[in-house]
């Protein structure tokens, strides 16, 4: 499965976390040879924008936020377009993105009147991401993606998380470090035979990711661990020194496969915890069926 990123879309409010996210968005647009689209919102309705002074101020701040990124794009020789939308920020972002886009958000943002609430937008959009969404923590360093960590679960094997992780690793010449997890809750109640089967299944998932990486000429490592998925993934990120981590959410891990009740708790819980606690950007990738269709 080949993943093509048609656009990198950056949501910005001009805050420091958003400027950090912009650095990563510009980097990805450049290495993936994709145009950058910058979007901001006033947080007010079109009717209010015509009558309320705070809305005028909010519109000005939004215009300044996108203009600053566009100027940076020109200096970096990245093709860029922009838009400022009225209405709630999350709604503006959902309207702006479509199939083939990669969305970039700062993990926290300012909360002043009329500002583009990147933090709250991230919380809403990452709960059910419309497209692959990169959450960049405010304290993230400049992008230098030498190691890409990947949660090699059922969703990654059937969805677009693993292909997108390989695409980024290939573009940045990074090493892919997948992690396959045997959920400790399953292991605790499994018979010895069932536990061996769970471990074999995890090893197969890992081997599938490694084999696909080799076909794409991407260097890879990888390991299998048993434990609580989010904690194990965060520990894996630290162990391998990952610069970015990729997690798939949604779907069932295969058309003919029934997921176990504890299997990563639909991935969304794992992704949410990792986004909150990781010190590196986290790319949350929805299943193909769950993503936006233009």
C-alpha atoms as a PDB file:
ATOM      1  CA  UNK A   1       0.000   0.000   0.000  1.00  0.00           C
ATOM      2  CA  UNK A   2       1.483   3.315  -1.122  1.00  0.00           C
ATOM      3  CA  UNK A   3       0.588   6.497   0.735  1.00  0.00           C
ATOM      4  CA  UNK A   4       0.792   9.813  -1.113  1.00  0.00           C
ATOM      5  CA  UNK A   5       0.566  13.011   0.905  1.00  0.00           C
ATOM      6  CA  UNK A   6      -1.119  15.510  -1.405  1.00  0.00           C
ATOM      7  CA  UNK A   7      -0.957  18.454   1.022  1.00  0.00           C
ATOM      8  CA  UNK A   8       0.350  19.290   4.454  1.00  0.00           C
ATOM      9  CA  UNK A   9      -2.281  21.365   6.274  1.00  0.00           C
ATOM     10  CA  UNK A  10      -1.204  23.472   9.245  1.00  0.00           C
ATOM     11  CA  UNK A  11      -3.689  24.833  11.784  1.00  0.00           C
ATOM     12  CA  UNK A  12      -2.269  27.907  13.468  1.00  0.00           C
ATOM     13  CA  UNK A  13      -3.201  30.665  15.898  1.00  0.00           C
ATOM     14  CA  UNK A  14       0.187  32.391  15.862  1.00  0.00           C
ATOM     15  CA  UNK A  15       1.051  31.177  19.366  1.00  0.00           C
ATOM     16  CA  UNK A  16       4.451  29.764  20.279  1.00  0.00           C
ATOM     17  CA  UNK A  17       3.202  26.131  20.162  1.00  0.00           C
ATOM     18  CA  UNK A  18       1.704  26.834  16.733  1.00  0.00           C
ATOM     19  CA  UNK A  19       5.015  28.290  15.522  1.00  0.00           C
ATOM     20  CA  UNK A  20       6.749  25.107  16.662  1.00  0.00           C
ATOM     21  CA  UNK A  21       4.148  23.065  14.770  1.00  0.00           C
ATOM     22  CA  UNK A  22       4.743  25.260  11.711  1.00  0.00           C
ATOM     23  CA  UNK A  23       8.421  24.298  11.729  1.00  0.00           C
ATOM     24  CA  UNK A  24       7.450  20.624  11.534  1.00  0.00           C
ATOM     25  CA  UNK A  25       4.792  21.286   8.900  1.00  0.00           C
ATOM     26  CA  UNK A  26       7.310  23.127   6.700  1.00  0.00           C
ATOM     27  CA  UNK A  27       9.812  20.307   7.156  1.00  0.00           C
ATOM     28  CA  UNK A  28       7.285  17.636   6.149  1.00  0.00           C
ATOM     29  CA  UNK A  29       6.048  19.655   3.179  1.00  0.00           C
ATOM     30  CA  UNK A  30       9.621  19.954   1.948  1.00  0.00           C
ATOM     31  CA  UNK A  31      10.720  16.321   2.405  1.00  0.00           C
ATOM     32  CA  UNK A  32       7.408  14.920   1.107  1.00  0.00           C
ATOM     33  CA  UNK A  33       7.396  17.373  -1.818  1.00  0.00           C
ATOM     34  CA  UNK A  34       3.882  18.502  -0.945  1.00  0.00           C
ATOM     35  CA  UNK A  35       2.336  21.986  -0.851  1.00  0.00           C
ATOM     36  CA  UNK A  36       1.526  23.572   2.488  1.00  0.00           C
ATOM     37  CA  UNK A  37      -1.947  24.935   3.249  1.00  0.00           C
ATOM     38  CA  UNK A  38      -2.195  27.197   6.308  1.00  0.00           C
ATOM     39  CA  UNK A  39      -5.555  27.669   8.026  1.00  0.00           C
ATOM     40  CA  UNK A  40      -6.658  29.834  10.946  1.00  0.00           C
ATOM     41  CA  UNK A  41     -10.057  30.844  12.300  1.00  0.00           C
ATOM     42  CA  UNK A  42     -11.588  33.842  14.009  1.00  0.00           C
ATOM     43  CA  UNK A  43     -13.735  31.803  16.369  1.00  0.00           C
ATOM     44  CA  UNK A  44     -16.730  33.981  15.485  1.00  0.00           C
ATOM     45  CA  UNK A  45     -19.610  33.693  13.040  1.00  0.00           C
ATOM     46  CA  UNK A  46     -19.731  35.654   9.791  1.00  0.00           C
ATOM     47  CA  UNK A  47     -22.559  37.835  11.161  1.00  0.00           C
ATOM     48  CA  UNK A  48     -20.598  38.686  14.291  1.00  0.00           C
ATOM     49  CA  UNK A  49     -17.548  39.565  12.201  1.00  0.00           C
ATOM     50  CA  UNK A  50     -19.512  42.384  10.592  1.00  0.00           C
ATOM     51  CA  UNK A  51     -20.641  44.019  13.832  1.00  0.00           C
ATOM     52  CA  UNK A  52     -18.394  43.151  16.788  1.00  0.00           C
ATOM     53  CA  UNK A  53     -15.064  44.889  17.384  1.00  0.00           C
ATOM     54  CA  UNK A  54     -13.458  41.829  19.084  1.00  0.00           C
ATOM     55  CA  UNK A  55     -14.216  39.855  15.923  1.00  0.00           C
ATOM     56  CA  UNK A  56     -12.325  42.410  13.828  1.00  0.00           C
ATOM     57  CA  UNK A  57      -9.349  41.972  16.146  1.00  0.00           C
ATOM     58  CA  UNK A  58      -9.648  38.198  15.936  1.00  0.00           C
ATOM     59  CA  UNK A  59      -9.731  38.319  12.136  1.00  0.00           C
ATOM     60  CA  UNK A  60      -6.617  40.509  12.103  1.00  0.00           C
ATOM     61  CA  UNK A  61      -4.762  38.119  14.422  1.00  0.00           C
ATOM     62  CA  UNK A  62      -5.765  35.136  12.286  1.00  0.00           C
ATOM     63  CA  UNK A  63      -4.554  36.891   9.132  1.00  0.00           C
ATOM     64  CA  UNK A  64      -1.268  37.719  10.837  1.00  0.00           C
ATOM     65  CA  UNK A  65      -0.869  34.080  11.944  1.00  0.00           C
ATOM     66  CA  UNK A  66      -1.261  32.626   8.459  1.00  0.00           C
ATOM     67  CA  UNK A  67       0.795  35.383   6.816  1.00  0.00           C
ATOM     68  CA  UNK A  68       3.732  34.694   9.123  1.00  0.00           C
ATOM     69  CA  UNK A  69       3.781  31.028   8.089  1.00  0.00           C
ATOM     70  CA  UNK A  70       3.396  31.838   4.396  1.00  0.00           C
ATOM     71  CA  UNK A  71       6.420  34.133   4.635  1.00  0.00           C
ATOM     72  CA  UNK A  72       8.419  31.308   6.213  1.00  0.00           C
ATOM     73  CA  UNK A  73       7.268  28.970   3.435  1.00  0.00           C
ATOM     74  CA  UNK A  74       8.485  31.364   0.753  1.00  0.00           C
ATOM     75  CA  UNK A  75      11.912  31.548   2.394  1.00  0.00           C
ATOM     76  CA  UNK A  76      12.014  27.730   2.597  1.00  0.00           C
ATOM     77  CA  UNK A  77      10.958  27.366  -1.064  1.00  0.00           C
ATOM     78  CA  UNK A  78       7.758  25.545  -0.060  1.00  0.00           C
ATOM     79  CA  UNK A  79       4.583  26.135  -2.064  1.00  0.00           C
ATOM     80  CA  UNK A  80       1.956  27.597   0.247  1.00  0.00           C
ATOM     81  CA  UNK A  81      -1.673  28.700   0.265  1.00  0.00           C
ATOM     82  CA  UNK A  82      -3.717  30.017   3.169  1.00  0.00           C
ATOM     83  CA  UNK A  83      -7.212  30.735   4.413  1.00  0.00           C
ATOM     84  CA  UNK A  84      -8.893  32.436   7.354  1.00  0.00           C
ATOM     85  CA  UNK A  85     -12.314  31.085   8.270  1.00  0.00           C
ATOM     86  CA  UNK A  86     -15.083  32.398  10.485  1.00  0.00           C
ATOM     87  CA  UNK A  87     -16.649  30.098  13.033  1.00  0.00           C
ATOM     88  CA  UNK A  88     -15.287  27.525  15.483  1.00  0.00           C
ATOM     89  CA  UNK A  89     -11.699  26.482  14.893  1.00  0.00           C
ATOM     90  CA  UNK A  90     -12.313  22.728  14.827  1.00  0.00           C
ATOM     91  CA  UNK A  91     -15.061  23.190  12.242  1.00  0.00           C
ATOM     92  CA  UNK A  92     -12.744  25.311  10.113  1.00  0.00           C
ATOM     93  CA  UNK A  93     -10.066  22.625  10.211  1.00  0.00           C
ATOM     94  CA  UNK A  94     -12.511  19.841   9.354  1.00  0.00           C
ATOM     95  CA  UNK A  95     -13.701  21.837   6.348  1.00  0.00           C
ATOM     96  CA  UNK A  96     -10.152  22.579   5.245  1.00  0.00           C
ATOM     97  CA  UNK A  97      -8.812  19.019   5.142  1.00  0.00           C
ATOM     98  CA  UNK A  98      -9.607  16.261   2.709  1.00  0.00           C
ATOM     99  CA  UNK A  99      -8.440  12.883   1.507  1.00  0.00           C
ATOM    100  CA  UNK A 100      -4.689  12.833   0.939  1.00  0.00           C
ATOM    101  CA  UNK A 101      -3.943  15.583   3.471  1.00  0.00           C
ATOM    102  CA  UNK A 102      -1.702  15.406   6.524  1.00  0.00           C
ATOM    103  CA  UNK A 103      -2.811  17.789   9.275  1.00  0.00           C
ATOM    104  CA  UNK A 104      -0.328  19.391  11.700  1.00  0.00           C
ATOM    105  CA  UNK A 105      -1.415  20.902  15.034  1.00  0.00           C
ATOM    106  CA  UNK A 106       0.351  22.386  18.026  1.00  0.00           C
ATOM    107  CA  UNK A 107      -0.458  20.417  21.168  1.00  0.00           C
ATOM    108  CA  UNK A 108      -1.337  23.525  23.180  1.00  0.00           C
ATOM    109  CA  UNK A 109      -2.468  27.018  22.234  1.00  0.00           C
ATOM    110  CA  UNK A 110      -3.583  30.299  23.681  1.00  0.00           C
ATOM    111  CA  UNK A 111      -7.121  30.692  24.959  1.00  0.00           C
ATOM    112  CA  UNK A 112      -7.700  34.426  24.565  1.00  0.00           C
ATOM    113  CA  UNK A 113     -10.912  35.762  23.044  1.00  0.00           C
ATOM    114  CA  UNK A 114     -11.137  35.048  19.334  1.00  0.00           C
ATOM    115  CA  UNK A 115      -7.936  32.993  19.237  1.00  0.00           C
ATOM    116  CA  UNK A 116      -7.518  29.772  17.323  1.00  0.00           C
ATOM    117  CA  UNK A 117      -7.656  27.287  20.174  1.00  0.00           C
ATOM    118  CA  UNK A 118      -5.057  24.811  19.002  1.00  0.00           C
ATOM    119  CA  UNK A 119      -5.039  22.906  22.290  1.00  0.00           C
ATOM    120  CA  UNK A 120      -8.781  22.302  22.402  1.00  0.00           C
ATOM    121  CA  UNK A 121      -8.906  21.704  18.658  1.00  0.00           C
ATOM    122  CA  UNK A 122      -6.237  19.028  19.017  1.00  0.00           C
ATOM    123  CA  UNK A 123      -8.252  17.317  21.764  1.00  0.00           C
ATOM    124  CA  UNK A 124     -11.365  17.228  19.592  1.00  0.00           C
ATOM    125  CA  UNK A 125      -9.734  16.250  16.316  1.00  0.00           C
ATOM    126  CA  UNK A 126      -7.398  13.641  17.767  1.00  0.00           C
ATOM    127  CA  UNK A 127     -10.373  11.866  19.335  1.00  0.00           C
ATOM    128  CA  UNK A 128     -11.556  11.012  15.824  1.00  0.00           C
ATOM    129  CA  UNK A 129      -8.998  12.407  13.383  1.00  0.00           C
ATOM    130  CA  UNK A 130     -10.443  13.220   9.954  1.00  0.00           C
ATOM    131  CA  UNK A 131      -7.037  12.671   8.327  1.00  0.00           C
ATOM    132  CA  UNK A 132      -3.573  11.690   9.562  1.00  0.00           C
ATOM    133  CA  UNK A 133      -2.861  14.296  12.247  1.00  0.00           C
ATOM    134  CA  UNK A 134       0.517  15.212  13.696  1.00  0.00           C
ATOM    135  CA  UNK A 135       0.326  16.629  17.232  1.00  0.00           C
ATOM    136  CA  UNK A 136       3.491  18.622  17.935  1.00  0.00           C
ATOM    137  CA  UNK A 137       4.259  19.354  21.605  1.00  0.00           C
ATOM    138  CA  UNK A 138       5.164  22.921  22.461  1.00  0.00           C
ATOM    139  CA  UNK A 139       8.614  21.878  23.671  1.00  0.00           C
ATOM    140  CA  UNK A 140       9.472  19.817  20.580  1.00  0.00           C
ATOM    141  CA  UNK A 141      12.877  20.414  19.053  1.00  0.00           C
ATOM    142  CA  UNK A 142      13.422  21.333  15.412  1.00  0.00           C
ATOM    143  CA  UNK A 143      12.546  18.397  13.149  1.00  0.00           C
ATOM    144  CA  UNK A 144      15.336  15.932  12.415  1.00  0.00           C
ATOM    145  CA  UNK A 145      13.484  12.682  11.909  1.00  0.00           C
ATOM    146  CA  UNK A 146      16.225  10.080  12.177  1.00  0.00           C
ATOM    147  CA  UNK A 147      14.124   7.484  14.011  1.00  0.00           C
ATOM    148  CA  UNK A 148      10.411   6.840  13.432  1.00  0.00           C
ATOM    149  CA  UNK A 149       8.620   4.721  16.041  1.00  0.00           C
ATOM    150  CA  UNK A 150       5.484   2.807  15.035  1.00  0.00           C
ATOM    151  CA  UNK A 151       2.876   0.921  17.035  1.00  0.00           C
ATOM    152  CA  UNK A 152       2.647  -2.312  15.035  1.00  0.00           C
ATOM    153  CA  UNK A 153      -0.848  -3.406  15.987  1.00  0.00           C
ATOM    154  CA  UNK A 154      -3.694  -4.872  13.935  1.00  0.00           C
ATOM    155  CA  UNK A 155      -4.700  -1.455  12.658  1.00  0.00           C
ATOM    156  CA  UNK A 156      -1.232  -0.735  11.342  1.00  0.00           C
ATOM    157  CA  UNK A 157      -1.143  -3.997   9.417  1.00  0.00           C
ATOM    158  CA  UNK A 158      -4.437  -3.316   7.613  1.00  0.00           C
ATOM    159  CA  UNK A 159      -4.639   0.484   7.578  1.00  0.00           C
ATOM    160  CA  UNK A 160      -2.451   3.344   6.447  1.00  0.00           C
ATOM    161  CA  UNK A 161      -0.408   3.948   9.623  1.00  0.00           C
ATOM    162  CA  UNK A 162       2.476   1.643   8.708  1.00  0.00           C
ATOM    163  CA  UNK A 163       2.644   2.765   5.046  1.00  0.00           C
ATOM    164  CA  UNK A 164       2.664   6.421   6.134  1.00  0.00           C
ATOM    165  CA  UNK A 165       5.373   5.713   8.710  1.00  0.00           C
ATOM    166  CA  UNK A 166       7.442   4.046   5.965  1.00  0.00           C
ATOM    167  CA  UNK A 167       6.801   6.973   3.627  1.00  0.00           C
ATOM    168  CA  UNK A 168       8.100   9.465   6.195  1.00  0.00           C
ATOM    169  CA  UNK A 169      11.063   7.246   7.081  1.00  0.00           C
ATOM    170  CA  UNK A 170      11.989   6.881   3.406  1.00  0.00           C
ATOM    171  CA  UNK A 171      11.682  10.627   2.772  1.00  0.00           C
ATOM    172  CA  UNK A 172      13.854  11.518   5.764  1.00  0.00           C
ATOM    173  CA  UNK A 173      16.212   8.514   5.506  1.00  0.00           C
ATOM    174  CA  UNK A 174      15.197   7.553   9.014  1.00  0.00           C
ATOM    175  CA  UNK A 175      15.225   4.175  10.706  1.00  0.00           C
ATOM    176  CA  UNK A 176      11.803   2.666  11.365  1.00  0.00           C
ATOM    177  CA  UNK A 177      11.431   1.156  14.836  1.00  0.00           C
ATOM    178  CA  UNK A 178       8.125  -0.764  15.116  1.00  0.00           C
ATOM    179  CA  UNK A 179       6.815  -2.087  18.423  1.00  0.00           C
ATOM    180  CA  UNK A 180       4.399  -5.002  18.650  1.00  0.00           C
ATOM    181  CA  UNK A 181       2.669  -5.372  22.019  1.00  0.00           C
ATOM    182  CA  UNK A 182       1.061  -8.315  23.739  1.00  0.00           C
ATOM    183  CA  UNK A 183      -1.532  -6.592  25.904  1.00  0.00           C
ATOM    184  CA  UNK A 184      -0.731  -7.417  29.523  1.00  0.00           C
ATOM    185  CA  UNK A 185      -4.439  -7.766  30.304  1.00  0.00           C
ATOM    186  CA  UNK A 186      -4.726 -10.534  27.735  1.00  0.00           C
ATOM    187  CA  UNK A 187      -1.505 -12.171  28.869  1.00  0.00           C
ATOM    188  CA  UNK A 188      -2.644 -12.208  32.511  1.00  0.00           C
ATOM    189  CA  UNK A 189      -5.659 -14.408  31.768  1.00  0.00           C
ATOM    190  CA  UNK A 190      -4.249 -16.496  28.925  1.00  0.00           C
ATOM    191  CA  UNK A 191      -3.304 -20.147  29.203  1.00  0.00           C
ATOM    192  CA  UNK A 192       0.309 -21.010  28.323  1.00  0.00           C
ATOM    193  CA  UNK A 193      -0.812 -22.121  24.879  1.00  0.00           C
ATOM    194  CA  UNK A 194      -2.878 -18.973  24.335  1.00  0.00           C
ATOM    195  CA  UNK A 195       0.002 -16.785  25.520  1.00  0.00           C
ATOM    196  CA  UNK A 196       2.337 -18.413  23.010  1.00  0.00           C
ATOM    197  CA  UNK A 197      -0.247 -17.739  20.319  1.00  0.00           C
ATOM    198  CA  UNK A 198      -0.487 -14.069  21.345  1.00  0.00           C
ATOM    199  CA  UNK A 199       3.294 -13.738  21.243  1.00  0.00           C
ATOM    200  CA  UNK A 200       3.457 -15.446  17.844  1.00  0.00           C
ATOM    201  CA  UNK A 201       0.766 -13.103  16.529  1.00  0.00           C
ATOM    202  CA  UNK A 202       2.704 -10.068  17.770  1.00  0.00           C
ATOM    203  CA  UNK A 203       5.886 -11.380  16.186  1.00  0.00           C
ATOM    204  CA  UNK A 204       4.052 -11.870  12.883  1.00  0.00           C
ATOM    205  CA  UNK A 205       2.799  -8.270  12.972  1.00  0.00           C
ATOM    206  CA  UNK A 206       6.322  -7.049  13.618  1.00  0.00           C
ATOM    207  CA  UNK A 207       7.803  -9.196  10.856  1.00  0.00           C
ATOM    208  CA  UNK A 208       5.190  -7.931   8.396  1.00  0.00           C
ATOM    209  CA  UNK A 209       6.181  -4.323   9.122  1.00  0.00           C
ATOM    210  CA  UNK A 210       9.906  -5.112   8.840  1.00  0.00           C
ATOM    211  CA  UNK A 211       9.393  -6.966   5.547  1.00  0.00           C
ATOM    212  CA  UNK A 212       7.380  -4.073   4.078  1.00  0.00           C
ATOM    213  CA  UNK A 213      10.071  -1.630   5.196  1.00  0.00           C
ATOM    214  CA  UNK A 214      12.732  -3.720   3.447  1.00  0.00           C
ATOM    215  CA  UNK A 215      10.709  -3.618   0.221  1.00  0.00           C
ATOM    216  CA  UNK A 216      10.691   0.184   0.496  1.00  0.00           C
ATOM    217  CA  UNK A 217      14.452   0.244   1.202  1.00  0.00           C
ATOM    218  CA  UNK A 218      13.793   1.562   4.716  1.00  0.00           C
ATOM    219  CA  UNK A 219      16.114   0.423   7.483  1.00  0.00           C
ATOM    220  CA  UNK A 220      14.168  -1.027  10.418  1.00  0.00           C
ATOM    221  CA  UNK A 221      14.581  -2.673  13.787  1.00  0.00           C
ATOM    222  CA  UNK A 222      11.684  -3.524  16.051  1.00  0.00           C
ATOM    223  CA  UNK A 223      10.759  -5.473  19.144  1.00  0.00           C
ATOM    224  CA  UNK A 224       7.914  -7.295  20.893  1.00  0.00           C
ATOM    225  CA  UNK A 225       6.895  -6.378  24.438  1.00  0.00           C
ATOM    226  CA  UNK A 226       4.218  -7.455  26.902  1.00  0.00           C
ATOM    227  CA  UNK A 227       2.434  -4.882  29.035  1.00  0.00           C
ATOM    228  CA  UNK A 228       0.088  -1.901  29.026  1.00  0.00           C
ATOM    229  CA  UNK A 229       0.118  -0.603  25.421  1.00  0.00           C
ATOM    230  CA  UNK A 230       0.464   3.149  26.000  1.00  0.00           C
ATOM    231  CA  UNK A 231       3.143   2.725  28.676  1.00  0.00           C
ATOM    232  CA  UNK A 232       5.077   0.268  26.532  1.00  0.00           C
ATOM    233  CA  UNK A 233       4.929   2.563  23.502  1.00  0.00           C
ATOM    234  CA  UNK A 234       6.136   5.571  25.504  1.00  0.00           C
ATOM    235  CA  UNK A 235       8.991   3.492  26.915  1.00  0.00           C
ATOM    236  CA  UNK A 236       9.828   2.302  23.388  1.00  0.00           C
ATOM    237  CA  UNK A 237      10.021   5.908  22.156  1.00  0.00           C
ATOM    238  CA  UNK A 238      12.544   6.646  24.904  1.00  0.00           C
ATOM    239  CA  UNK A 239      14.538   3.447  24.309  1.00  0.00           C
ATOM    240  CA  UNK A 240      15.040   3.961  20.585  1.00  0.00           C
ATOM    241  CA  UNK A 241      15.353   7.744  20.768  1.00  0.00           C
ATOM    242  CA  UNK A 242      12.438   8.277  18.397  1.00  0.00           C
ATOM    243  CA  UNK A 243      11.964  11.705  16.841  1.00  0.00           C
ATOM    244  CA  UNK A 244       8.335  11.012  15.892  1.00  0.00           C
ATOM    245  CA  UNK A 245       5.871   8.234  16.715  1.00  0.00           C
ATOM    246  CA  UNK A 246       3.061   6.881  14.513  1.00  0.00           C
ATOM    247  CA  UNK A 247      -0.130   5.305  15.916  1.00  0.00           C
ATOM    248  CA  UNK A 248      -3.082   3.950  13.947  1.00  0.00           C
ATOM    249  CA  UNK A 249      -6.633   4.325  15.265  1.00  0.00           C
ATOM    250  CA  UNK A 250     -10.030   3.021  14.185  1.00  0.00           C
ATOM    251  CA  UNK A 251     -10.909  -0.043  12.199  1.00  0.00           C
ATOM    252  CA  UNK A 252     -10.757  -3.635  13.379  1.00  0.00           C
ATOM    253  CA  UNK A 253      -7.330  -4.769  12.240  1.00  0.00           C
ATOM    254  CA  UNK A 254      -8.607  -6.696   9.241  1.00  0.00           C
ATOM    255  CA  UNK A 255     -11.851  -7.553   7.492  1.00  0.00           C
ATOM    256  CA  UNK A 256     -11.938 -11.163   8.640  1.00  0.00           C
ATOM    257  CA  UNK A 257     -10.507 -10.691  12.094  1.00  0.00           C
ATOM    258  CA  UNK A 258     -12.458 -10.082  15.278  1.00  0.00           C
ATOM    259  CA  UNK A 259     -10.410  -7.976  17.716  1.00  0.00           C
ATOM    260  CA  UNK A 260     -10.134  -9.057  21.327  1.00  0.00           C
ATOM    261  CA  UNK A 261     -11.972  -6.815  23.834  1.00  0.00           C
ATOM    262  CA  UNK A 262      -8.719  -5.562  25.334  1.00  0.00           C
ATOM    263  CA  UNK A 263      -6.839  -5.129  22.058  1.00  0.00           C
ATOM    264  CA  UNK A 264      -5.421  -1.632  22.596  1.00  0.00           C
ATOM    265  CA  UNK A 265      -8.942  -0.458  23.505  1.00  0.00           C
ATOM    266  CA  UNK A 266      -9.572   0.653  19.890  1.00  0.00           C
ATOM    267  CA  UNK A 267      -6.219   2.411  19.670  1.00  0.00           C
ATOM    268  CA  UNK A 268      -7.763   5.783  20.438  1.00  0.00           C
ATOM    269  CA  UNK A 269      -7.066   5.512  24.156  1.00  0.00           C
ATOM    270  CA  UNK A 270      -3.456   4.589  23.448  1.00  0.00           C
ATOM    271  CA  UNK A 271      -3.073   7.464  21.001  1.00  0.00           C
ATOM    272  CA  UNK A 272      -4.603   9.935  23.457  1.00  0.00           C
ATOM    273  CA  UNK A 273      -2.239   8.929  26.254  1.00  0.00           C
ATOM    274  CA  UNK A 274       0.797   8.967  24.008  1.00  0.00           C
ATOM    275  CA  UNK A 275      -0.085  12.409  22.626  1.00  0.00           C
ATOM    276  CA  UNK A 276      -0.424  13.783  26.165  1.00  0.00           C
ATOM    277  CA  UNK A 277       2.826  12.354  27.483  1.00  0.00           C
ATOM    278  CA  UNK A 278       5.260  12.015  24.571  1.00  0.00           C
ATOM    279  CA  UNK A 279       7.927  14.683  24.247  1.00  0.00           C
ATOM    280  CA  UNK A 280       8.093  14.156  20.486  1.00  0.00           C
ATOM    281  CA  UNK A 281       5.458  14.688  17.779  1.00  0.00           C
ATOM    282  CA  UNK A 282       2.805  11.969  17.525  1.00  0.00           C
ATOM    283  CA  UNK A 283       1.166  11.157  14.193  1.00  0.00           C
ATOM    284  CA  UNK A 284      -2.330   9.703  14.702  1.00  0.00           C
ATOM    285  CA  UNK A 285      -3.540   7.909  11.574  1.00  0.00           C
ATOM    286  CA  UNK A 286      -7.209   6.934  11.086  1.00  0.00           C
ATOM    287  CA  UNK A 287      -8.204   3.815   9.201  1.00  0.00           C
ATOM    288  CA  UNK A 288      -8.915   4.323   5.518  1.00  0.00           C
ATOM    289  CA  UNK A 289     -12.660   3.855   6.051  1.00  0.00           C
ATOM    290  CA  UNK A 290     -12.691   6.471   8.829  1.00  0.00           C
ATOM    291  CA  UNK A 291     -10.798   9.194   6.957  1.00  0.00           C
ATOM    292  CA  UNK A 292     -12.336  12.141   5.167  1.00  0.00           C
ATOM    293  CA  UNK A 293     -13.559  11.677   1.589  1.00  0.00           C
ATOM    294  CA  UNK A 294     -13.455  14.726  -0.582  1.00  0.00           C
END
